[in-house]
Amino acid sequence: MLFLSRVIISITINSQTLGEKNFLDNIFSSLLLFVGLFIFVLPLFSLNKRYPDLSLPAIAEERMGGFGFGVSAVYGVYFFIMNTFSLSMFLALLLNTLDPVASKWSIAIILTGIALYGAVKGIETISRASICIFVLFILGMGAIFIALAPNVTLRYMEPLFYDGFDDVLRGFFVFTARCTSLAEFAVLMPFVQGRKRLGFAVCSGGVTAFLSILLFFIVSCLGEYAYLQIFPAYTLAVMSEIAGIQRLDALFIGLCMMTLVIRIACGLFAVSECISRIVKPRVRTAVLSALSAVSVLFALWVTEDARRAGMLFKTEYLLPLTVLTGAVLPAAVWAVDHFKKERKPR
């Protein structure tokens, strides 16, 4: 589930966000993020060990009083922003590549409605759907990568770090700004069963591996042409061919749709968890419905003009929010809990 939630944003990368020098350098950006995630997830593991049945917002409310409700509010706002960002990016992908005259209203409403239904039904419904979609995603993207193998041209590969480490750092900041893994784990950790450390490692490692493979194919198949594309991952799907079937872009868009549903559903369920201690179940459904409607309207408004998306969803704006919810607040809650020296309440 966390894998799908992250990977949908990974496939929307382009030269405007990562830089126009060498995409291969960004493989090391993803590896750097992989290491960073394991450093900043440690407070969450510690809190989960002591409070296995509570999410981070619940722990904050219990241990920090009124300030804890502010923590819950920050997480709720963050997930709303990232849901809107994800929907906006997908609509931009759809309108700029597949069909410029597609009815984005109907697409946005249908996808968000399905995600809302899953969020209202609960985490078990989202998890079961995630398993099926994960299998389809791996098989589908695997087919696309296999179909692209004959197009690999090694002479397109550029020397690593030819222009220094600027692209690595820029890519690291972009990937970090779009990474919701820590915030989602902070809210969803009481619902995670089994070996959580191993699961988090496999999820993060899987996204890193997928992104590395994707960047390799972008560079080796498209060369400098990749830096001219709005969505180079989509361009790969267009040029792929397998068993006489040309243009696997329809498969690519279908996978993106299914993955986006999981991303939005996770975000809405996380919002539901943030407000669950102050809002009754029926009211929560109404709140989630209202937030979904606002998210759709805002995403549609943003995609009306490319300059709006570039202005509102800059890395400089998303990065502080992601760092706040993924690193600062978990560390702050852990520090307060640690230094209060009180026993866990029964």
C-alpha atoms as a PDB file:
ATOM      1  CA  MET A   1       0.000   0.000   0.000  1.00  0.00           C
ATOM      2  CA  LEU A   2       2.765   2.451   0.897  1.00  0.00           C
ATOM      3  CA  PHE A   3       4.671   1.321  -2.193  1.00  0.00           C
ATOM      4  CA  LEU A   4       1.775   2.240  -4.487  1.00  0.00           C
ATOM      5  CA  SER A   5       1.199   5.487  -2.635  1.00  0.00           C
ATOM      6  CA  ARG A   6       4.752   6.632  -3.363  1.00  0.00           C
ATOM      7  CA  VAL A   7       5.291   5.197  -6.799  1.00  0.00           C
ATOM      8  CA  ILE A   8       2.472   7.126  -8.505  1.00  0.00           C
ATOM      9  CA  ILE A   9       4.367  10.373  -7.971  1.00  0.00           C
ATOM     10  CA  SER A  10       7.687   8.839  -9.021  1.00  0.00           C
ATOM     11  CA  ILE A  11       6.453   8.231 -12.553  1.00  0.00           C
ATOM     12  CA  THR A  12       5.623  11.916 -13.065  1.00  0.00           C
ATOM     13  CA  ILE A  13       9.221  13.107 -12.798  1.00  0.00           C
ATOM     14  CA  ASN A  14      10.648  15.260 -15.583  1.00  0.00           C
ATOM     15  CA  SER A  15      13.549  17.568 -16.372  1.00  0.00           C
ATOM     16  CA  GLN A  16      11.665  20.605 -15.065  1.00  0.00           C
ATOM     17  CA  THR A  17      11.743  19.159 -11.556  1.00  0.00           C
ATOM     18  CA  LEU A  18      14.947  17.090 -11.559  1.00  0.00           C
ATOM     19  CA  GLY A  19      17.171  19.261 -13.748  1.00  0.00           C
ATOM     20  CA  GLU A  20      18.337  18.993 -17.346  1.00  0.00           C
ATOM     21  CA  LYS A  21      21.793  17.487 -16.916  1.00  0.00           C
ATOM     22  CA  ASN A  22      21.803  13.762 -16.138  1.00  0.00           C
ATOM     23  CA  PHE A  23      18.894  11.647 -14.889  1.00  0.00           C
ATOM     24  CA  LEU A  24      21.299   8.877 -13.914  1.00  0.00           C
ATOM     25  CA  ASP A  25      22.613  11.044 -11.087  1.00  0.00           C
ATOM     26  CA  ASN A  26      19.125  10.953  -9.606  1.00  0.00           C
ATOM     27  CA  ILE A  27      19.466   7.220  -8.961  1.00  0.00           C
ATOM     28  CA  PHE A  28      21.817   8.246  -6.170  1.00  0.00           C
ATOM     29  CA  SER A  29      19.235  10.812  -5.059  1.00  0.00           C
ATOM     30  CA  SER A  30      16.770   7.972  -4.483  1.00  0.00           C
ATOM     31  CA  LEU A  31      19.421   5.949  -2.646  1.00  0.00           C
ATOM     32  CA  LEU A  32      20.157   8.947  -0.436  1.00  0.00           C
ATOM     33  CA  LEU A  33      16.453   9.248   0.364  1.00  0.00           C
ATOM     34  CA  PHE A  34      16.345   5.526   1.164  1.00  0.00           C
ATOM     35  CA  VAL A  35      19.033   6.056   3.811  1.00  0.00           C
ATOM     36  CA  GLY A  36      17.318   9.178   5.128  1.00  0.00           C
ATOM     37  CA  LEU A  37      14.022   7.374   5.585  1.00  0.00           C
ATOM     38  CA  PHE A  38      15.651   4.782   7.823  1.00  0.00           C
ATOM     39  CA  ILE A  39      17.176   7.473   9.987  1.00  0.00           C
ATOM     40  CA  PHE A  40      13.983   9.481  10.489  1.00  0.00           C
ATOM     41  CA  VAL A  41      11.698   6.486  10.932  1.00  0.00           C
ATOM     42  CA  LEU A  42      13.517   5.473  14.135  1.00  0.00           C
ATOM     43  CA  PRO A  43      11.395   7.712  16.442  1.00  0.00           C
ATOM     44  CA  LEU A  44       8.254   6.178  14.918  1.00  0.00           C
ATOM     45  CA  PHE A  45       9.497   2.651  15.587  1.00  0.00           C
ATOM     46  CA  SER A  46      10.295   3.625  19.165  1.00  0.00           C
ATOM     47  CA  LEU A  47       6.859   5.170  19.739  1.00  0.00           C
ATOM     48  CA  ASN A  48       5.107   2.232  18.105  1.00  0.00           C
ATOM     49  CA  LYS A  49       6.936  -0.177  20.373  1.00  0.00           C
ATOM     50  CA  ARG A  50       5.629   1.638  23.430  1.00  0.00           C
ATOM     51  CA  TYR A  51       2.185   2.503  22.034  1.00  0.00           C
ATOM     52  CA  PRO A  52       1.398  -0.308  19.543  1.00  0.00           C
ATOM     53  CA  ASP A  53      -2.297   0.588  19.322  1.00  0.00           C
ATOM     54  CA  LEU A  54      -1.932   4.339  18.802  1.00  0.00           C
ATOM     55  CA  SER A  55      -1.023   6.474  15.809  1.00  0.00           C
ATOM     56  CA  LEU A  56       1.357   9.395  16.146  1.00  0.00           C
ATOM     57  CA  PRO A  57      -1.471  11.992  16.266  1.00  0.00           C
ATOM     58  CA  ALA A  58      -3.193   9.924  18.980  1.00  0.00           C
ATOM     59  CA  ILE A  59       0.030   9.721  20.980  1.00  0.00           C
ATOM     60  CA  ALA A  60       0.532  13.474  20.598  1.00  0.00           C
ATOM     61  CA  GLU A  61      -2.999  14.198  21.807  1.00  0.00           C
ATOM     62  CA  GLU A  62      -2.519  11.918  24.815  1.00  0.00           C
ATOM     63  CA  ARG A  63       0.939  13.118  25.807  1.00  0.00           C
ATOM     64  CA  MET A  64       0.994  16.755  24.701  1.00  0.00           C
ATOM     65  CA  GLY A  65      -2.492  17.980  25.533  1.00  0.00           C
ATOM     66  CA  GLY A  66      -3.839  20.804  23.387  1.00  0.00           C
ATOM     67  CA  PHE A  67      -0.694  20.926  21.286  1.00  0.00           C
ATOM     68  CA  GLY A  68      -1.343  17.315  20.284  1.00  0.00           C
ATOM     69  CA  PHE A  69      -4.567  18.314  18.537  1.00  0.00           C
ATOM     70  CA  GLY A  70      -2.512  20.801  16.571  1.00  0.00           C
ATOM     71  CA  VAL A  71      -0.284  17.919  15.469  1.00  0.00           C
ATOM     72  CA  SER A  72      -3.351  16.037  14.228  1.00  0.00           C
ATOM     73  CA  ALA A  73      -4.499  19.124  12.337  1.00  0.00           C
ATOM     74  CA  VAL A  74      -1.109  19.491  10.641  1.00  0.00           C
ATOM     75  CA  TYR A  75      -1.214  15.881   9.450  1.00  0.00           C
ATOM     76  CA  GLY A  76      -4.770  16.264   8.200  1.00  0.00           C
ATOM     77  CA  VAL A  77      -3.890  19.364   6.189  1.00  0.00           C
ATOM     78  CA  TYR A  78      -0.764  17.695   4.822  1.00  0.00           C
ATOM     79  CA  PHE A  79      -2.645  14.663   3.503  1.00  0.00           C
ATOM     80  CA  PHE A  80      -5.260  16.913   1.918  1.00  0.00           C
ATOM     81  CA  ILE A  81      -2.529  18.896   0.131  1.00  0.00           C
ATOM     82  CA  MET A  82      -0.736  15.763  -1.089  1.00  0.00           C
ATOM     83  CA  ASN A  83      -3.988  14.208  -2.319  1.00  0.00           C
ATOM     84  CA  THR A  84      -4.719  17.354  -4.301  1.00  0.00           C
ATOM     85  CA  PHE A  85      -1.161  17.408  -5.624  1.00  0.00           C
ATOM     86  CA  SER A  86      -1.352  13.762  -6.725  1.00  0.00           C
ATOM     87  CA  LEU A  87      -4.685  14.275  -8.491  1.00  0.00           C
ATOM     88  CA  SER A  88      -3.395  17.425 -10.174  1.00  0.00           C
ATOM     89  CA  MET A  89      -0.290  15.653 -11.453  1.00  0.00           C
ATOM     90  CA  PHE A  90      -2.327  12.798 -12.895  1.00  0.00           C
ATOM     91  CA  LEU A  91      -4.742  15.177 -14.627  1.00  0.00           C
ATOM     92  CA  ALA A  92      -1.769  17.063 -16.062  1.00  0.00           C
ATOM     93  CA  LEU A  93      -0.344  13.761 -17.316  1.00  0.00           C
ATOM     94  CA  LEU A  94      -3.657  12.797 -18.886  1.00  0.00           C
ATOM     95  CA  LEU A  95      -4.389  16.120 -20.556  1.00  0.00           C
ATOM     96  CA  ASN A  96      -0.863  16.802 -21.819  1.00  0.00           C
ATOM     97  CA  THR A  97      -0.160  13.377 -23.256  1.00  0.00           C
ATOM     98  CA  LEU A  98      -3.085  11.032 -23.849  1.00  0.00           C
ATOM     99  CA  ASP A  99      -6.139  13.140 -24.649  1.00  0.00           C
ATOM    100  CA  PRO A 100      -6.170  16.954 -24.377  1.00  0.00           C
ATOM    101  CA  VAL A 101      -9.970  17.058 -24.731  1.00  0.00           C
ATOM    102  CA  ALA A 102     -10.698  14.342 -22.166  1.00  0.00           C
ATOM    103  CA  SER A 103     -13.389  15.115 -19.609  1.00  0.00           C
ATOM    104  CA  LYS A 104     -11.198  15.791 -16.627  1.00  0.00           C
ATOM    105  CA  TRP A 105     -14.270  16.521 -14.496  1.00  0.00           C
ATOM    106  CA  SER A 106     -15.646  13.006 -14.877  1.00  0.00           C
ATOM    107  CA  ILE A 107     -12.219  11.375 -14.481  1.00  0.00           C
ATOM    108  CA  ALA A 108     -11.413  13.313 -11.302  1.00  0.00           C
ATOM    109  CA  ILE A 109     -14.835  12.693  -9.778  1.00  0.00           C
ATOM    110  CA  ILE A 110     -14.853   8.958 -10.560  1.00  0.00           C
ATOM    111  CA  LEU A 111     -11.325   8.298  -9.268  1.00  0.00           C
ATOM    112  CA  THR A 112     -11.841  10.366  -6.121  1.00  0.00           C
ATOM    113  CA  GLY A 113     -15.247   8.768  -5.535  1.00  0.00           C
ATOM    114  CA  ILE A 114     -13.754   5.270  -5.670  1.00  0.00           C
ATOM    115  CA  ALA A 115     -10.967   6.337  -3.291  1.00  0.00           C
ATOM    116  CA  LEU A 116     -13.519   7.895  -0.926  1.00  0.00           C
ATOM    117  CA  TYR A 117     -15.533   4.669  -0.881  1.00  0.00           C
ATOM    118  CA  GLY A 118     -12.408   2.718   0.036  1.00  0.00           C
ATOM    119  CA  ALA A 119     -11.458   5.187   2.774  1.00  0.00           C
ATOM    120  CA  VAL A 120     -14.948   5.015   4.310  1.00  0.00           C
ATOM    121  CA  LYS A 121     -14.928   1.206   4.224  1.00  0.00           C
ATOM    122  CA  GLY A 122     -11.637   1.153   6.132  1.00  0.00           C
ATOM    123  CA  ILE A 123      -8.024   0.133   5.964  1.00  0.00           C
ATOM    124  CA  GLU A 124      -8.788  -3.544   5.327  1.00  0.00           C
ATOM    125  CA  THR A 125     -10.605  -2.709   2.095  1.00  0.00           C
ATOM    126  CA  ILE A 126      -7.737  -0.487   0.945  1.00  0.00           C
ATOM    127  CA  SER A 127      -5.189  -3.166   1.834  1.00  0.00           C
ATOM    128  CA  ARG A 128      -6.985  -5.890  -0.112  1.00  0.00           C
ATOM    129  CA  ALA A 129      -7.331  -3.647  -3.147  1.00  0.00           C
ATOM    130  CA  SER A 130      -3.663  -2.694  -2.826  1.00  0.00           C
ATOM    131  CA  ILE A 131      -2.554  -6.322  -3.064  1.00  0.00           C
ATOM    132  CA  CYS A 132      -4.423  -6.840  -6.337  1.00  0.00           C
ATOM    133  CA  ILE A 133      -3.285  -3.523  -7.810  1.00  0.00           C
ATOM    134  CA  PHE A 134       0.304  -4.129  -6.697  1.00  0.00           C
ATOM    135  CA  VAL A 135       0.401  -7.420  -8.602  1.00  0.00           C
ATOM    136  CA  LEU A 136      -1.102  -5.790 -11.700  1.00  0.00           C
ATOM    137  CA  PHE A 137       1.329  -2.872 -11.427  1.00  0.00           C
ATOM    138  CA  ILE A 138       4.396  -5.124 -11.207  1.00  0.00           C
ATOM    139  CA  LEU A 139       3.219  -7.270 -14.106  1.00  0.00           C
ATOM    140  CA  GLY A 140       2.245  -4.263 -16.223  1.00  0.00           C
ATOM    141  CA  MET A 141       5.407  -2.249 -15.655  1.00  0.00           C
ATOM    142  CA  GLY A 142       7.458  -5.415 -16.025  1.00  0.00           C
ATOM    143  CA  ALA A 143       5.898  -5.957 -19.453  1.00  0.00           C
ATOM    144  CA  ILE A 144       6.698  -2.372 -20.437  1.00  0.00           C
ATOM    145  CA  PHE A 145      10.321  -2.675 -19.297  1.00  0.00           C
ATOM    146  CA  ILE A 146      10.738  -6.002 -21.144  1.00  0.00           C
ATOM    147  CA  ALA A 147       9.285  -4.446 -24.278  1.00  0.00           C
ATOM    148  CA  LEU A 148      11.738  -1.548 -23.972  1.00  0.00           C
ATOM    149  CA  ALA A 149      14.811  -3.783 -23.596  1.00  0.00           C
ATOM    150  CA  PRO A 150      15.595  -3.900 -27.359  1.00  0.00           C
ATOM    151  CA  ASN A 151      15.576  -0.079 -27.442  1.00  0.00           C
ATOM    152  CA  VAL A 152      18.318   0.290 -24.827  1.00  0.00           C
ATOM    153  CA  THR A 153      21.227   2.246 -26.328  1.00  0.00           C
ATOM    154  CA  LEU A 154      24.205   2.326 -24.015  1.00  0.00           C
ATOM    155  CA  ARG A 155      25.853   5.214 -25.867  1.00  0.00           C
ATOM    156  CA  TYR A 156      23.084   7.434 -24.477  1.00  0.00           C
ATOM    157  CA  MET A 157      24.468   6.857 -20.983  1.00  0.00           C
ATOM    158  CA  GLU A 158      26.336   9.842 -19.617  1.00  0.00           C
ATOM    159  CA  PRO A 159      29.188   9.857 -17.071  1.00  0.00           C
ATOM    160  CA  LEU A 160      27.993  10.032 -13.504  1.00  0.00           C
ATOM    161  CA  PHE A 161      28.543  13.271 -11.577  1.00  0.00           C
ATOM    162  CA  TYR A 162      29.951  14.941 -14.708  1.00  0.00           C
ATOM    163  CA  ASP A 163      28.651  18.313 -13.496  1.00  0.00           C
ATOM    164  CA  GLY A 164      29.201  17.671  -9.793  1.00  0.00           C
ATOM    165  CA  PHE A 165      26.669  16.688  -7.171  1.00  0.00           C
ATOM    166  CA  ASP A 166      24.149  19.474  -7.741  1.00  0.00           C
ATOM    167  CA  ASP A 167      21.716  17.195  -9.583  1.00  0.00           C
ATOM    168  CA  VAL A 168      21.978  14.563  -6.857  1.00  0.00           C
ATOM    169  CA  LEU A 169      21.030  17.081  -4.189  1.00  0.00           C
ATOM    170  CA  ARG A 170      18.281  18.607  -6.303  1.00  0.00           C
ATOM    171  CA  GLY A 171      16.823  15.186  -7.009  1.00  0.00           C
ATOM    172  CA  PHE A 172      17.044  14.293  -3.331  1.00  0.00           C
ATOM    173  CA  PHE A 173      15.044  17.385  -2.374  1.00  0.00           C
ATOM    174  CA  VAL A 174      12.434  16.673  -5.076  1.00  0.00           C
ATOM    175  CA  PHE A 175      12.023  13.029  -4.052  1.00  0.00           C
ATOM    176  CA  THR A 176      11.877  13.991  -0.385  1.00  0.00           C
ATOM    177  CA  ALA A 177       9.245  16.672  -0.991  1.00  0.00           C
ATOM    178  CA  ARG A 178       7.003  14.128  -2.731  1.00  0.00           C
ATOM    179  CA  CYS A 179       7.605  11.257  -0.314  1.00  0.00           C
ATOM    180  CA  THR A 180       4.689  10.654   2.051  1.00  0.00           C
ATOM    181  CA  SER A 181       5.972   7.346   3.471  1.00  0.00           C
ATOM    182  CA  LEU A 182       6.965   8.662   6.896  1.00  0.00           C
ATOM    183  CA  ALA A 183       3.790  10.699   7.387  1.00  0.00           C
ATOM    184  CA  GLU A 184       1.595   7.794   6.268  1.00  0.00           C
ATOM    185  CA  PHE A 185       3.448   5.346   8.475  1.00  0.00           C
ATOM    186  CA  ALA A 186       3.112   7.743  11.425  1.00  0.00           C
ATOM    187  CA  VAL A 187      -0.673   7.685  11.096  1.00  0.00           C
ATOM    188  CA  LEU A 188      -1.190   4.119   9.877  1.00  0.00           C
ATOM    189  CA  MET A 189       1.394   2.276  12.002  1.00  0.00           C
ATOM    190  CA  PRO A 190      -1.137   0.767  14.481  1.00  0.00           C
ATOM    191  CA  PHE A 191      -2.886  -0.874  11.519  1.00  0.00           C
ATOM    192  CA  VAL A 192       0.293  -2.461  10.150  1.00  0.00           C
ATOM    193  CA  GLN A 193       0.592  -6.133  11.019  1.00  0.00           C
ATOM    194  CA  GLY A 194       3.688  -8.326  11.139  1.00  0.00           C
ATOM    195  CA  ARG A 195       7.321  -7.226  11.065  1.00  0.00           C
ATOM    196  CA  LYS A 196       7.018  -3.508  10.560  1.00  0.00           C
ATOM    197  CA  ARG A 197      10.723  -2.779  10.233  1.00  0.00           C
ATOM    198  CA  LEU A 198      11.141  -5.387   7.526  1.00  0.00           C
ATOM    199  CA  GLY A 199       7.989  -4.236   5.761  1.00  0.00           C
ATOM    200  CA  PHE A 200       9.115  -0.615   5.759  1.00  0.00           C
ATOM    201  CA  ALA A 201      12.529  -1.645   4.442  1.00  0.00           C
ATOM    202  CA  VAL A 202      11.024  -3.740   1.636  1.00  0.00           C
ATOM    203  CA  CYS A 203       8.608  -0.962   0.687  1.00  0.00           C
ATOM    204  CA  SER A 204      11.271   1.756   0.609  1.00  0.00           C
ATOM    205  CA  GLY A 205      13.748  -0.510  -1.145  1.00  0.00           C
ATOM    206  CA  GLY A 206      11.135  -1.487  -3.712  1.00  0.00           C
ATOM    207  CA  VAL A 207      10.369   2.121  -4.591  1.00  0.00           C
ATOM    208  CA  THR A 208      14.090   2.904  -4.820  1.00  0.00           C
ATOM    209  CA  ALA A 209      14.675  -0.074  -7.109  1.00  0.00           C
ATOM    210  CA  PHE A 210      11.699   0.787  -9.321  1.00  0.00           C
ATOM    211  CA  LEU A 211      12.760   4.410  -9.621  1.00  0.00           C
ATOM    212  CA  SER A 212      16.329   3.388 -10.472  1.00  0.00           C
ATOM    213  CA  ILE A 213      15.117   1.039 -13.228  1.00  0.00           C
ATOM    214  CA  LEU A 214      12.772   3.705 -14.571  1.00  0.00           C
ATOM    215  CA  LEU A 215      15.538   6.316 -14.722  1.00  0.00           C
ATOM    216  CA  PHE A 216      17.860   3.837 -16.432  1.00  0.00           C
ATOM    217  CA  PHE A 217      15.331   3.143 -19.186  1.00  0.00           C
ATOM    218  CA  ILE A 218      14.519   6.837 -19.573  1.00  0.00           C
ATOM    219  CA  VAL A 219      18.173   7.651 -20.223  1.00  0.00           C
ATOM    220  CA  SER A 220      19.123   4.563 -22.225  1.00  0.00           C
ATOM    221  CA  CYS A 221      16.038   4.595 -24.467  1.00  0.00           C
ATOM    222  CA  LEU A 222      15.344   8.300 -24.933  1.00  0.00           C
ATOM    223  CA  GLY A 223      18.749   9.930 -24.563  1.00  0.00           C
ATOM    224  CA  GLU A 224      18.628  13.733 -24.724  1.00  0.00           C
ATOM    225  CA  TYR A 225      15.061  13.489 -26.034  1.00  0.00           C
ATOM    226  CA  ALA A 226      14.009  12.653 -22.459  1.00  0.00           C
ATOM    227  CA  TYR A 227      14.810  16.171 -21.283  1.00  0.00           C
ATOM    228  CA  LEU A 228      12.298  17.608 -23.766  1.00  0.00           C
ATOM    229  CA  GLN A 229       9.382  15.486 -22.544  1.00  0.00           C
ATOM    230  CA  ILE A 230       6.789  16.659 -20.054  1.00  0.00           C
ATOM    231  CA  PHE A 231       6.424  13.083 -18.755  1.00  0.00           C
ATOM    232  CA  PRO A 232       9.273  10.877 -20.036  1.00  0.00           C
ATOM    233  CA  ALA A 233       7.861   7.775 -18.312  1.00  0.00           C
ATOM    234  CA  TYR A 234       4.755   8.077 -20.486  1.00  0.00           C
ATOM    235  CA  THR A 235       6.947   8.480 -23.577  1.00  0.00           C
ATOM    236  CA  LEU A 236       8.595   5.151 -22.720  1.00  0.00           C
ATOM    237  CA  ALA A 237       5.189   3.475 -22.640  1.00  0.00           C
ATOM    238  CA  VAL A 238       4.323   4.967 -26.030  1.00  0.00           C
ATOM    239  CA  MET A 239       7.454   3.616 -27.718  1.00  0.00           C
ATOM    240  CA  SER A 240       7.180   0.140 -26.168  1.00  0.00           C
ATOM    241  CA  GLU A 241       5.943  -2.831 -28.193  1.00  0.00           C
ATOM    242  CA  ILE A 242       5.424  -6.438 -27.191  1.00  0.00           C
ATOM    243  CA  ALA A 243       4.080  -9.418 -29.180  1.00  0.00           C
ATOM    244  CA  GLY A 244       2.951  -7.136 -31.989  1.00  0.00           C
ATOM    245  CA  ILE A 245       1.034  -4.858 -29.626  1.00  0.00           C
ATOM    246  CA  GLN A 246       2.276  -1.310 -30.091  1.00  0.00           C
ATOM    247  CA  ARG A 247       1.964   1.674 -27.771  1.00  0.00           C
ATOM    248  CA  LEU A 248       1.456   0.365 -24.270  1.00  0.00           C
ATOM    249  CA  ASP A 249       0.477   3.841 -23.105  1.00  0.00           C
ATOM    250  CA  ALA A 250      -3.109   2.703 -22.443  1.00  0.00           C
ATOM    251  CA  LEU A 251      -1.733   0.068 -20.055  1.00  0.00           C
ATOM    252  CA  PHE A 252       0.455   2.716 -18.432  1.00  0.00           C
ATOM    253  CA  ILE A 253      -2.459   5.114 -17.895  1.00  0.00           C
ATOM    254  CA  GLY A 254      -4.601   2.307 -16.479  1.00  0.00           C
ATOM    255  CA  LEU A 255      -1.901   1.412 -13.967  1.00  0.00           C
ATOM    256  CA  CYS A 256      -1.584   5.077 -13.009  1.00  0.00           C
ATOM    257  CA  MET A 257      -5.327   5.332 -12.414  1.00  0.00           C
ATOM    258  CA  MET A 258      -5.420   2.306 -10.126  1.00  0.00           C
ATOM    259  CA  THR A 259      -2.358   3.451  -8.230  1.00  0.00           C
ATOM    260  CA  LEU A 260      -3.774   6.961  -7.824  1.00  0.00           C
ATOM    261  CA  VAL A 261      -6.936   5.528  -6.263  1.00  0.00           C
ATOM    262  CA  ILE A 262      -4.828   3.830  -3.585  1.00  0.00           C
ATOM    263  CA  ARG A 263      -2.822   7.004  -3.004  1.00  0.00           C
ATOM    264  CA  ILE A 264      -5.944   9.132  -2.472  1.00  0.00           C
ATOM    265  CA  ALA A 265      -7.676   6.444  -0.399  1.00  0.00           C
ATOM    266  CA  CYS A 266      -4.666   6.218   1.937  1.00  0.00           C
ATOM    267  CA  GLY A 267      -4.643   9.987   2.331  1.00  0.00           C
ATOM    268  CA  LEU A 268      -8.365  10.154   3.090  1.00  0.00           C
ATOM    269  CA  PHE A 269      -8.176   7.308   5.589  1.00  0.00           C
ATOM    270  CA  ALA A 270      -5.227   9.049   7.263  1.00  0.00           C
ATOM    271  CA  VAL A 271      -7.329  12.215   7.552  1.00  0.00           C
ATOM    272  CA  SER A 272     -10.128  10.113   9.047  1.00  0.00           C
ATOM    273  CA  GLU A 273      -7.709   8.737  11.618  1.00  0.00           C
ATOM    274  CA  CYS A 274      -6.520  12.246  12.504  1.00  0.00           C
ATOM    275  CA  ILE A 275     -10.051  13.427  13.312  1.00  0.00           C
ATOM    276  CA  SER A 276     -11.396  10.142  14.708  1.00  0.00           C
ATOM    277  CA  ARG A 277     -11.003  11.191  18.344  1.00  0.00           C
ATOM    278  CA  ILE A 278     -13.070  14.363  18.027  1.00  0.00           C
ATOM    279  CA  VAL A 279     -15.583  13.512  15.276  1.00  0.00           C
ATOM    280  CA  LYS A 280     -18.246  10.789  15.190  1.00  0.00           C
ATOM    281  CA  PRO A 281     -18.116   8.159  12.414  1.00  0.00           C
ATOM    282  CA  ARG A 282     -21.063   9.579  10.438  1.00  0.00           C
ATOM    283  CA  VAL A 283     -19.647  13.071  10.635  1.00  0.00           C
ATOM    284  CA  ARG A 284     -16.245  11.742   9.534  1.00  0.00           C
ATOM    285  CA  THR A 285     -17.823  10.432   6.347  1.00  0.00           C
ATOM    286  CA  ALA A 286     -19.321  13.858   5.672  1.00  0.00           C
ATOM    287  CA  VAL A 287     -15.974  15.538   6.358  1.00  0.00           C
ATOM    288  CA  LEU A 288     -14.124  13.174   4.020  1.00  0.00           C
ATOM    289  CA  SER A 289     -16.743  13.742   1.321  1.00  0.00           C
ATOM    290  CA  ALA A 290     -16.407  17.503   1.648  1.00  0.00           C
ATOM    291  CA  LEU A 291     -12.593  17.330   1.555  1.00  0.00           C
ATOM    292  CA  SER A 292     -12.750  15.093  -1.516  1.00  0.00           C
ATOM    293  CA  ALA A 293     -15.009  17.577  -3.298  1.00  0.00           C
ATOM    294  CA  VAL A 294     -12.723  20.486  -2.439  1.00  0.00           C
ATOM    295  CA  SER A 295      -9.688  18.483  -3.554  1.00  0.00           C
ATOM    296  CA  VAL A 296     -11.309  17.735  -6.928  1.00  0.00           C
ATOM    297  CA  LEU A 297     -12.330  21.362  -7.461  1.00  0.00           C
ATOM    298  CA  PHE A 298      -8.897  22.650  -6.524  1.00  0.00           C
ATOM    299  CA  ALA A 299      -7.102  20.094  -8.728  1.00  0.00           C
ATOM    300  CA  LEU A 300      -9.315  21.027 -11.677  1.00  0.00           C
ATOM    301  CA  TRP A 301      -8.649  24.708 -11.085  1.00  0.00           C
ATOM    302  CA  VAL A 302      -4.897  24.133 -10.872  1.00  0.00           C
ATOM    303  CA  THR A 303      -4.736  22.135 -14.095  1.00  0.00           C
ATOM    304  CA  GLU A 304      -6.533  24.875 -16.005  1.00  0.00           C
ATOM    305  CA  ASP A 305      -3.237  26.724 -16.162  1.00  0.00           C
ATOM    306  CA  ALA A 306       0.210  25.092 -16.070  1.00  0.00           C
ATOM    307  CA  ARG A 307       1.634  28.169 -14.359  1.00  0.00           C
ATOM    308  CA  ARG A 308      -0.654  27.630 -11.385  1.00  0.00           C
ATOM    309  CA  ALA A 309       0.629  24.103 -10.813  1.00  0.00           C
ATOM    310  CA  GLY A 310       4.212  25.294 -11.130  1.00  0.00           C
ATOM    311  CA  MET A 311       3.572  28.089  -8.665  1.00  0.00           C
ATOM    312  CA  LEU A 312       1.522  26.220  -6.055  1.00  0.00           C
ATOM    313  CA  PHE A 313       3.308  22.858  -6.014  1.00  0.00           C
ATOM    314  CA  LYS A 314       6.921  23.948  -5.991  1.00  0.00           C
ATOM    315  CA  THR A 315       9.437  21.738  -4.229  1.00  0.00           C
ATOM    316  CA  GLU A 316      10.249  24.724  -2.026  1.00  0.00           C
ATOM    317  CA  TYR A 317       6.681  24.613  -0.682  1.00  0.00           C
ATOM    318  CA  LEU A 318       6.182  20.843  -0.378  1.00  0.00           C
ATOM    319  CA  LEU A 319       9.585  20.066   1.138  1.00  0.00           C
ATOM    320  CA  PRO A 320       9.062  21.900   4.471  1.00  0.00           C
ATOM    321  CA  LEU A 321       5.657  20.223   4.915  1.00  0.00           C
ATOM    322  CA  THR A 322       7.079  16.772   4.249  1.00  0.00           C
ATOM    323  CA  VAL A 323      10.026  17.327   6.575  1.00  0.00           C
ATOM    324  CA  LEU A 324       7.693  18.675   9.263  1.00  0.00           C
ATOM    325  CA  THR A 325       5.307  15.700   9.173  1.00  0.00           C
ATOM    326  CA  GLY A 326       7.902  13.035   8.419  1.00  0.00           C
ATOM    327  CA  ALA A 327      10.799  14.043  10.656  1.00  0.00           C
ATOM    328  CA  VAL A 328      10.235  17.055  12.925  1.00  0.00           C
ATOM    329  CA  LEU A 329       6.896  16.175  14.527  1.00  0.00           C
ATOM    330  CA  PRO A 330       7.719  12.474  15.128  1.00  0.00           C
ATOM    331  CA  ALA A 331      11.016  13.486  16.730  1.00  0.00           C
ATOM    332  CA  ALA A 332       9.261  16.140  18.837  1.00  0.00           C
ATOM    333  CA  VAL A 333       6.574  13.725  20.061  1.00  0.00           C
ATOM    334  CA  TRP A 334       9.211  11.096  20.836  1.00  0.00           C
ATOM    335  CA  ALA A 335      11.279  13.657  22.783  1.00  0.00           C
ATOM    336  CA  VAL A 336       8.283  14.826  24.840  1.00  0.00           C
ATOM    337  CA  ASP A 337       7.256  11.263  25.588  1.00  0.00           C
ATOM    338  CA  HIS A 338      10.820  10.256  26.466  1.00  0.00           C
ATOM    339  CA  PHE A 339      11.557  13.122  28.812  1.00  0.00           C
ATOM    340  CA  LYS A 340       8.251  13.072  30.641  1.00  0.00           C
ATOM    341  CA  LYS A 341       9.325   9.770  32.189  1.00  0.00           C
ATOM    342  CA  GLU A 342       5.761   8.609  32.682  1.00  0.00           C
ATOM    343  CA  ARG A 343       4.424   5.127  32.267  1.00  0.00           C
ATOM    344  CA  LYS A 344       2.203   4.261  29.384  1.00  0.00           C
ATOM    345  CA  PRO A 345      -1.427   4.799  30.477  1.00  0.00           C
ATOM    346  CA  ARG A 346      -3.620   1.740  30.650  1.00  0.00           C
END
